[in-house]
Amino acid sequence: MVISAASAVSQWVTREIALLLPGRSVAGRPIYPIVIDDVPLPGSVADLYAIDLRGLGAATPREALTRTLQPLIDQIRRGRHDARMLLQP
């Protein structure tokens, strides 16, 4: 799920989150919020591991993108889905 200024005020996104969260605990499906704007995580997903892509775009060097995404990849490989939000410089 993408967390942005638009999603923060979207009723549709609120409904999607409400539908996704029960599946997380029943089916063990991980949910990884992706933060692209300077907005807080909604309270319903604040305890999830999230990746911070604020400030990254098409012109971002590959090394910076890899450095930002690697911690999330590592968490997925280890099967940890409940860590705190990861903020990258």
Foldseek 3Di string as FASTA:
>chain_A
DEDEPVLVPDPVNVVVLVVVVVCCVPVVDADEYEYAYPDQDPPSCQQWEYFYPHPDDPPDDPVVVCVRCVVVVVCVVVSHTGHGYDDDD
